[in-house]
């Protein structure tokens, strides 16, 4: 007997459970760890100045790694007696941010120490030649930036697993912990929606840890 084909799927109106991601998976450093990592970088060398400036940029301006390594020297500029950075985001969009005073110092010292001030069109973050002890003029690939971060974290005694997005998430969380608003954080991070910014907000994890420590045995 040949079965009949039903004109309507009886299960069409049934919807599966929604998958909602409420917390991101990006590892986040607490402020003390981030400060420990930055302070452990030897800023007496060109490569040390470069690495500190790059990590500081991601922490203090919430910059994506792609936007950071795509910058040119002219994307660091003065406006209203303050240093600003111009980030080149996805889709050709630009996003400008004023610099935290620590980041301002890191960028000034790096640009001056690397002799980049006279080369406004040069890439800001370049690869480094150990043979010459100088920057090469070539772009710094994301893979190289990731490897650098791993080395800096290890030498700084950081046990938290870190990646290129760790510092962006670290900056957002620190900002929110110190009274910043989610809406402003989204604007600073150049997120289209605060839902994306919430993935970087790890304040709830500290509450959970506090509660766990109440188990006094």
C-alpha atoms as a PDB file:
ATOM      1  CA  UNK A   1       0.000   0.000   0.000  1.00  0.00           C
ATOM      2  CA  UNK A   2       1.419   3.303  -1.051  1.00  0.00           C
ATOM      3  CA  UNK A   3       1.238   5.895   1.756  1.00  0.00           C
ATOM      4  CA  UNK A   4      -0.330   9.267   1.152  1.00  0.00           C
ATOM      5  CA  UNK A   5       1.764  12.445   1.236  1.00  0.00           C
ATOM      6  CA  UNK A   6       0.472  14.810   3.865  1.00  0.00           C
ATOM      7  CA  UNK A   7      -0.144  18.311   2.496  1.00  0.00           C
ATOM      8  CA  UNK A   8       0.936  19.958   5.762  1.00  0.00           C
ATOM      9  CA  UNK A   9       3.808  19.105   8.122  1.00  0.00           C
ATOM     10  CA  UNK A  10       2.182  18.706  11.565  1.00  0.00           C
ATOM     11  CA  UNK A  11       5.491  19.558  13.272  1.00  0.00           C
ATOM     12  CA  UNK A  12       6.008  22.795  11.358  1.00  0.00           C
ATOM     13  CA  UNK A  13       4.762  24.931  14.240  1.00  0.00           C
ATOM     14  CA  UNK A  14       6.983  23.219  16.797  1.00  0.00           C
ATOM     15  CA  UNK A  15      10.098  25.236  17.640  1.00  0.00           C
ATOM     16  CA  UNK A  16      13.236  23.825  19.175  1.00  0.00           C
ATOM     17  CA  UNK A  17      14.844  25.270  22.304  1.00  0.00           C
ATOM     18  CA  UNK A  18      16.616  28.596  21.814  1.00  0.00           C
ATOM     19  CA  UNK A  19      20.387  28.602  22.272  1.00  0.00           C
ATOM     20  CA  UNK A  20      21.305  31.807  24.070  1.00  0.00           C
ATOM     21  CA  UNK A  21      24.917  32.647  24.827  1.00  0.00           C
ATOM     22  CA  UNK A  22      24.946  34.836  27.926  1.00  0.00           C
ATOM     23  CA  UNK A  23      28.666  34.699  28.711  1.00  0.00           C
ATOM     24  CA  UNK A  24      31.598  34.775  26.343  1.00  0.00           C
ATOM     25  CA  UNK A  25      34.400  32.239  26.311  1.00  0.00           C
ATOM     26  CA  UNK A  26      37.254  34.737  25.918  1.00  0.00           C
ATOM     27  CA  UNK A  27      39.675  34.495  28.880  1.00  0.00           C
ATOM     28  CA  UNK A  28      39.832  37.710  30.915  1.00  0.00           C
ATOM     29  CA  UNK A  29      42.608  38.983  33.170  1.00  0.00           C
ATOM     30  CA  UNK A  30      41.837  40.797  36.397  1.00  0.00           C
ATOM     31  CA  UNK A  31      43.363  44.293  36.650  1.00  0.00           C
ATOM     32  CA  UNK A  32      46.268  43.076  38.807  1.00  0.00           C
ATOM     33  CA  UNK A  33      47.188  40.392  36.271  1.00  0.00           C
ATOM     34  CA  UNK A  34      46.991  42.860  33.389  1.00  0.00           C
ATOM     35  CA  UNK A  35      49.224  45.314  35.250  1.00  0.00           C
ATOM     36  CA  UNK A  36      51.636  42.493  36.124  1.00  0.00           C
ATOM     37  CA  UNK A  37      51.915  41.473  32.472  1.00  0.00           C
ATOM     38  CA  UNK A  38      52.454  45.022  31.199  1.00  0.00           C
ATOM     39  CA  UNK A  39      54.998  45.879  33.892  1.00  0.00           C
ATOM     40  CA  UNK A  40      56.975  42.708  33.102  1.00  0.00           C
ATOM     41  CA  UNK A  41      57.715  43.922  29.556  1.00  0.00           C
ATOM     42  CA  UNK A  42      61.240  45.288  29.126  1.00  0.00           C
ATOM     43  CA  UNK A  43      60.602  48.787  27.779  1.00  0.00           C
ATOM     44  CA  UNK A  44      64.285  49.509  27.153  1.00  0.00           C
ATOM     45  CA  UNK A  45      64.135  47.789  23.758  1.00  0.00           C
ATOM     46  CA  UNK A  46      62.243  48.648  20.582  1.00  0.00           C
ATOM     47  CA  UNK A  47      60.399  45.327  20.586  1.00  0.00           C
ATOM     48  CA  UNK A  48      59.462  45.822  24.223  1.00  0.00           C
ATOM     49  CA  UNK A  49      58.098  49.277  23.473  1.00  0.00           C
ATOM     50  CA  UNK A  50      56.132  47.869  20.535  1.00  0.00           C
ATOM     51  CA  UNK A  51      54.624  45.004  22.514  1.00  0.00           C
ATOM     52  CA  UNK A  52      53.670  47.206  25.462  1.00  0.00           C
ATOM     53  CA  UNK A  53      52.036  49.735  23.122  1.00  0.00           C
ATOM     54  CA  UNK A  54      50.059  47.033  21.299  1.00  0.00           C
ATOM     55  CA  UNK A  55      48.811  45.347  24.471  1.00  0.00           C
ATOM     56  CA  UNK A  56      48.055  48.728  26.036  1.00  0.00           C
ATOM     57  CA  UNK A  57      46.087  49.752  22.953  1.00  0.00           C
ATOM     58  CA  UNK A  58      43.870  46.686  23.187  1.00  0.00           C
ATOM     59  CA  UNK A  59      43.338  47.116  26.937  1.00  0.00           C
ATOM     60  CA  UNK A  60      42.655  50.846  27.087  1.00  0.00           C
ATOM     61  CA  UNK A  61      40.836  51.425  23.792  1.00  0.00           C
ATOM     62  CA  UNK A  62      39.087  48.009  23.572  1.00  0.00           C
ATOM     63  CA  UNK A  63      40.654  47.622  20.116  1.00  0.00           C
ATOM     64  CA  UNK A  64      40.298  44.432  18.093  1.00  0.00           C
ATOM     65  CA  UNK A  65      43.624  42.926  17.143  1.00  0.00           C
ATOM     66  CA  UNK A  66      42.806  43.330  13.449  1.00  0.00           C
ATOM     67  CA  UNK A  67      42.066  47.025  13.891  1.00  0.00           C
ATOM     68  CA  UNK A  68      45.201  47.537  15.973  1.00  0.00           C
ATOM     69  CA  UNK A  69      47.703  45.939  13.606  1.00  0.00           C
ATOM     70  CA  UNK A  70      46.111  47.728  10.658  1.00  0.00           C
ATOM     71  CA  UNK A  71      46.962  51.160  12.068  1.00  0.00           C
ATOM     72  CA  UNK A  72      49.497  53.522  10.560  1.00  0.00           C
ATOM     73  CA  UNK A  73      51.579  56.053  12.455  1.00  0.00           C
ATOM     74  CA  UNK A  74      49.271  58.869  11.342  1.00  0.00           C
ATOM     75  CA  UNK A  75      46.395  57.095  13.082  1.00  0.00           C
ATOM     76  CA  UNK A  76      47.899  58.281  16.361  1.00  0.00           C
ATOM     77  CA  UNK A  77      47.212  62.010  16.488  1.00  0.00           C
ATOM     78  CA  UNK A  78      46.647  64.937  18.834  1.00  0.00           C
ATOM     79  CA  UNK A  79      43.243  66.571  19.218  1.00  0.00           C
ATOM     80  CA  UNK A  80      42.044  68.947  21.926  1.00  0.00           C
ATOM     81  CA  UNK A  81      45.348  68.578  23.772  1.00  0.00           C
ATOM     82  CA  UNK A  82      44.889  64.819  23.979  1.00  0.00           C
ATOM     83  CA  UNK A  83      46.276  61.903  22.021  1.00  0.00           C
ATOM     84  CA  UNK A  84      43.713  59.966  19.974  1.00  0.00           C
ATOM     85  CA  UNK A  85      43.819  56.730  18.007  1.00  0.00           C
ATOM     86  CA  UNK A  86      41.987  55.964  14.773  1.00  0.00           C
ATOM     87  CA  UNK A  87      41.069  52.302  14.430  1.00  0.00           C
ATOM     88  CA  UNK A  88      40.266  50.751  11.062  1.00  0.00           C
ATOM     89  CA  UNK A  89      37.384  48.394  11.721  1.00  0.00           C
ATOM     90  CA  UNK A  90      35.630  45.767   9.626  1.00  0.00           C
ATOM     91  CA  UNK A  91      33.938  46.928   6.448  1.00  0.00           C
ATOM     92  CA  UNK A  92      36.247  49.910   6.018  1.00  0.00           C
ATOM     93  CA  UNK A  93      34.737  51.765   8.980  1.00  0.00           C
ATOM     94  CA  UNK A  94      36.856  54.001  11.179  1.00  0.00           C
ATOM     95  CA  UNK A  95      36.502  54.408  14.913  1.00  0.00           C
ATOM     96  CA  UNK A  96      38.289  57.127  16.892  1.00  0.00           C
ATOM     97  CA  UNK A  97      39.038  56.958  20.607  1.00  0.00           C
ATOM     98  CA  UNK A  98      40.854  59.310  23.020  1.00  0.00           C
ATOM     99  CA  UNK A  99      43.780  57.671  24.812  1.00  0.00           C
ATOM    100  CA  UNK A 100      43.946  56.763  28.477  1.00  0.00           C
ATOM    101  CA  UNK A 101      46.948  58.520  30.014  1.00  0.00           C
ATOM    102  CA  UNK A 102      48.847  55.225  30.313  1.00  0.00           C
ATOM    103  CA  UNK A 103      48.237  54.402  26.662  1.00  0.00           C
ATOM    104  CA  UNK A 104      49.267  57.927  25.681  1.00  0.00           C
ATOM    105  CA  UNK A 105      52.622  57.382  27.395  1.00  0.00           C
ATOM    106  CA  UNK A 106      53.093  53.925  25.840  1.00  0.00           C
ATOM    107  CA  UNK A 107      52.404  55.208  22.323  1.00  0.00           C
ATOM    108  CA  UNK A 108      54.613  58.302  22.653  1.00  0.00           C
ATOM    109  CA  UNK A 109      57.521  56.259  23.988  1.00  0.00           C
ATOM    110  CA  UNK A 110      57.126  53.612  21.285  1.00  0.00           C
ATOM    111  CA  UNK A 111      56.849  56.034  18.359  1.00  0.00           C
ATOM    112  CA  UNK A 112      59.783  58.101  19.595  1.00  0.00           C
ATOM    113  CA  UNK A 113      61.911  55.084  20.513  1.00  0.00           C
ATOM    114  CA  UNK A 114      61.308  53.364  17.171  1.00  0.00           C
ATOM    115  CA  UNK A 115      61.901  56.540  15.164  1.00  0.00           C
ATOM    116  CA  UNK A 116      58.449  56.383  13.573  1.00  0.00           C
ATOM    117  CA  UNK A 117      57.412  60.010  14.099  1.00  0.00           C
ATOM    118  CA  UNK A 118      58.837  61.056  10.716  1.00  0.00           C
ATOM    119  CA  UNK A 119      57.006  58.261   8.870  1.00  0.00           C
ATOM    120  CA  UNK A 120      53.274  58.986   9.142  1.00  0.00           C
ATOM    121  CA  UNK A 121      52.332  56.486   6.415  1.00  0.00           C
ATOM    122  CA  UNK A 122      54.323  53.633   7.949  1.00  0.00           C
ATOM    123  CA  UNK A 123      52.552  50.788   9.678  1.00  0.00           C
ATOM    124  CA  UNK A 124      52.409  51.433  13.400  1.00  0.00           C
ATOM    125  CA  UNK A 125      52.990  47.826  14.452  1.00  0.00           C
ATOM    126  CA  UNK A 126      55.657  46.081  12.402  1.00  0.00           C
ATOM    127  CA  UNK A 127      57.630  42.875  12.575  1.00  0.00           C
ATOM    128  CA  UNK A 128      61.001  43.019  14.277  1.00  0.00           C
ATOM    129  CA  UNK A 129      64.411  41.836  13.104  1.00  0.00           C
ATOM    130  CA  UNK A 130      66.547  40.322  15.834  1.00  0.00           C
ATOM    131  CA  UNK A 131      69.539  40.571  13.497  1.00  0.00           C
ATOM    132  CA  UNK A 132      69.326  44.368  13.242  1.00  0.00           C
ATOM    133  CA  UNK A 133      67.426  45.114  16.435  1.00  0.00           C
ATOM    134  CA  UNK A 134      65.045  47.294  14.412  1.00  0.00           C
ATOM    135  CA  UNK A 135      61.548  47.189  12.964  1.00  0.00           C
ATOM    136  CA  UNK A 136      61.340  45.835   9.415  1.00  0.00           C
ATOM    137  CA  UNK A 137      58.544  47.958   7.936  1.00  0.00           C
ATOM    138  CA  UNK A 138      56.524  44.797   7.286  1.00  0.00           C
ATOM    139  CA  UNK A 139      53.050  44.277   8.773  1.00  0.00           C
ATOM    140  CA  UNK A 140      52.709  42.303  12.006  1.00  0.00           C
ATOM    141  CA  UNK A 141      50.488  39.256  11.273  1.00  0.00           C
ATOM    142  CA  UNK A 142      47.831  38.271  13.800  1.00  0.00           C
ATOM    143  CA  UNK A 143      49.595  34.930  14.298  1.00  0.00           C
ATOM    144  CA  UNK A 144      52.781  36.757  15.283  1.00  0.00           C
ATOM    145  CA  UNK A 145      50.823  38.991  17.647  1.00  0.00           C
ATOM    146  CA  UNK A 146      49.281  35.906  19.248  1.00  0.00           C
ATOM    147  CA  UNK A 147      52.696  34.280  19.686  1.00  0.00           C
ATOM    148  CA  UNK A 148      54.041  37.499  21.205  1.00  0.00           C
ATOM    149  CA  UNK A 149      51.182  37.620  23.702  1.00  0.00           C
ATOM    150  CA  UNK A 150      51.867  34.032  24.727  1.00  0.00           C
ATOM    151  CA  UNK A 151      55.538  34.839  25.337  1.00  0.00           C
ATOM    152  CA  UNK A 152      54.751  37.999  27.296  1.00  0.00           C
ATOM    153  CA  UNK A 153      52.168  36.226  29.440  1.00  0.00           C
ATOM    154  CA  UNK A 154      54.567  33.394  30.235  1.00  0.00           C
ATOM    155  CA  UNK A 155      57.461  35.691  31.083  1.00  0.00           C
ATOM    156  CA  UNK A 156      55.129  37.806  33.214  1.00  0.00           C
ATOM    157  CA  UNK A 157      54.060  34.812  35.269  1.00  0.00           C
ATOM    158  CA  UNK A 158      50.470  34.849  34.001  1.00  0.00           C
ATOM    159  CA  UNK A 159      48.814  31.445  34.300  1.00  0.00           C
ATOM    160  CA  UNK A 160      45.478  32.484  32.781  1.00  0.00           C
ATOM    161  CA  UNK A 161      45.189  31.303  29.191  1.00  0.00           C
ATOM    162  CA  UNK A 162      45.269  34.422  27.036  1.00  0.00           C
ATOM    163  CA  UNK A 163      44.619  35.266  23.400  1.00  0.00           C
ATOM    164  CA  UNK A 164      44.345  38.264  21.093  1.00  0.00           C
ATOM    165  CA  UNK A 165      40.860  39.116  22.380  1.00  0.00           C
ATOM    166  CA  UNK A 166      41.755  38.756  26.055  1.00  0.00           C
ATOM    167  CA  UNK A 167      42.880  42.362  26.434  1.00  0.00           C
ATOM    168  CA  UNK A 168      39.777  43.792  24.759  1.00  0.00           C
ATOM    169  CA  UNK A 169      37.603  41.783  27.154  1.00  0.00           C
ATOM    170  CA  UNK A 170      39.847  42.733  30.085  1.00  0.00           C
ATOM    171  CA  UNK A 171      39.479  46.435  29.325  1.00  0.00           C
ATOM    172  CA  UNK A 172      35.691  46.248  28.964  1.00  0.00           C
ATOM    173  CA  UNK A 173      35.302  44.334  32.241  1.00  0.00           C
ATOM    174  CA  UNK A 174      37.571  46.740  34.148  1.00  0.00           C
ATOM    175  CA  UNK A 175      35.626  49.707  32.753  1.00  0.00           C
ATOM    176  CA  UNK A 176      32.283  48.248  33.837  1.00  0.00           C
ATOM    177  CA  UNK A 177      33.606  47.308  37.297  1.00  0.00           C
ATOM    178  CA  UNK A 178      34.593  50.929  37.858  1.00  0.00           C
ATOM    179  CA  UNK A 179      31.140  52.355  37.194  1.00  0.00           C
ATOM    180  CA  UNK A 180      31.077  52.471  33.401  1.00  0.00           C
ATOM    181  CA  UNK A 181      27.782  51.817  31.634  1.00  0.00           C
ATOM    182  CA  UNK A 182      27.094  49.004  29.200  1.00  0.00           C
ATOM    183  CA  UNK A 183      25.879  51.488  26.590  1.00  0.00           C
ATOM    184  CA  UNK A 184      29.095  53.516  26.758  1.00  0.00           C
ATOM    185  CA  UNK A 185      31.187  50.360  26.719  1.00  0.00           C
ATOM    186  CA  UNK A 186      29.430  49.253  23.530  1.00  0.00           C
ATOM    187  CA  UNK A 187      30.133  52.641  21.972  1.00  0.00           C
ATOM    188  CA  UNK A 188      33.792  52.551  22.988  1.00  0.00           C
ATOM    189  CA  UNK A 189      34.206  48.991  21.716  1.00  0.00           C
ATOM    190  CA  UNK A 190      32.378  49.895  18.501  1.00  0.00           C
ATOM    191  CA  UNK A 191      29.779  47.178  19.045  1.00  0.00           C
ATOM    192  CA  UNK A 192      26.527  47.484  17.122  1.00  0.00           C
ATOM    193  CA  UNK A 193      24.615  46.046  20.085  1.00  0.00           C
ATOM    194  CA  UNK A 194      25.109  45.905  23.850  1.00  0.00           C
ATOM    195  CA  UNK A 195      24.397  42.166  23.582  1.00  0.00           C
ATOM    196  CA  UNK A 196      27.847  41.722  22.069  1.00  0.00           C
ATOM    197  CA  UNK A 197      29.428  43.837  24.802  1.00  0.00           C
ATOM    198  CA  UNK A 198      27.771  41.703  27.474  1.00  0.00           C
ATOM    199  CA  UNK A 199      29.818  38.724  26.280  1.00  0.00           C
ATOM    200  CA  UNK A 200      32.917  40.575  27.510  1.00  0.00           C
ATOM    201  CA  UNK A 201      31.404  41.471  30.892  1.00  0.00           C
ATOM    202  CA  UNK A 202      32.748  39.033  33.502  1.00  0.00           C
ATOM    203  CA  UNK A 203      31.691  40.821  36.684  1.00  0.00           C
ATOM    204  CA  UNK A 204      29.272  38.002  37.529  1.00  0.00           C
ATOM    205  CA  UNK A 205      32.147  35.530  37.703  1.00  0.00           C
ATOM    206  CA  UNK A 206      33.582  37.404  40.699  1.00  0.00           C
ATOM    207  CA  UNK A 207      30.255  37.166  42.503  1.00  0.00           C
ATOM    208  CA  UNK A 208      30.235  33.419  41.904  1.00  0.00           C
ATOM    209  CA  UNK A 209      33.760  33.064  43.316  1.00  0.00           C
ATOM    210  CA  UNK A 210      32.797  35.045  46.416  1.00  0.00           C
ATOM    211  CA  UNK A 211      29.883  32.693  47.021  1.00  0.00           C
ATOM    212  CA  UNK A 212      32.036  29.588  46.559  1.00  0.00           C
ATOM    213  CA  UNK A 213      34.431  30.860  49.248  1.00  0.00           C
ATOM    214  CA  UNK A 214      31.538  30.864  51.731  1.00  0.00           C
ATOM    215  CA  UNK A 215      31.846  27.073  51.920  1.00  0.00           C
ATOM    216  CA  UNK A 216      34.024  27.106  55.020  1.00  0.00           C
ATOM    217  CA  UNK A 217      35.075  23.523  55.674  1.00  0.00           C
END
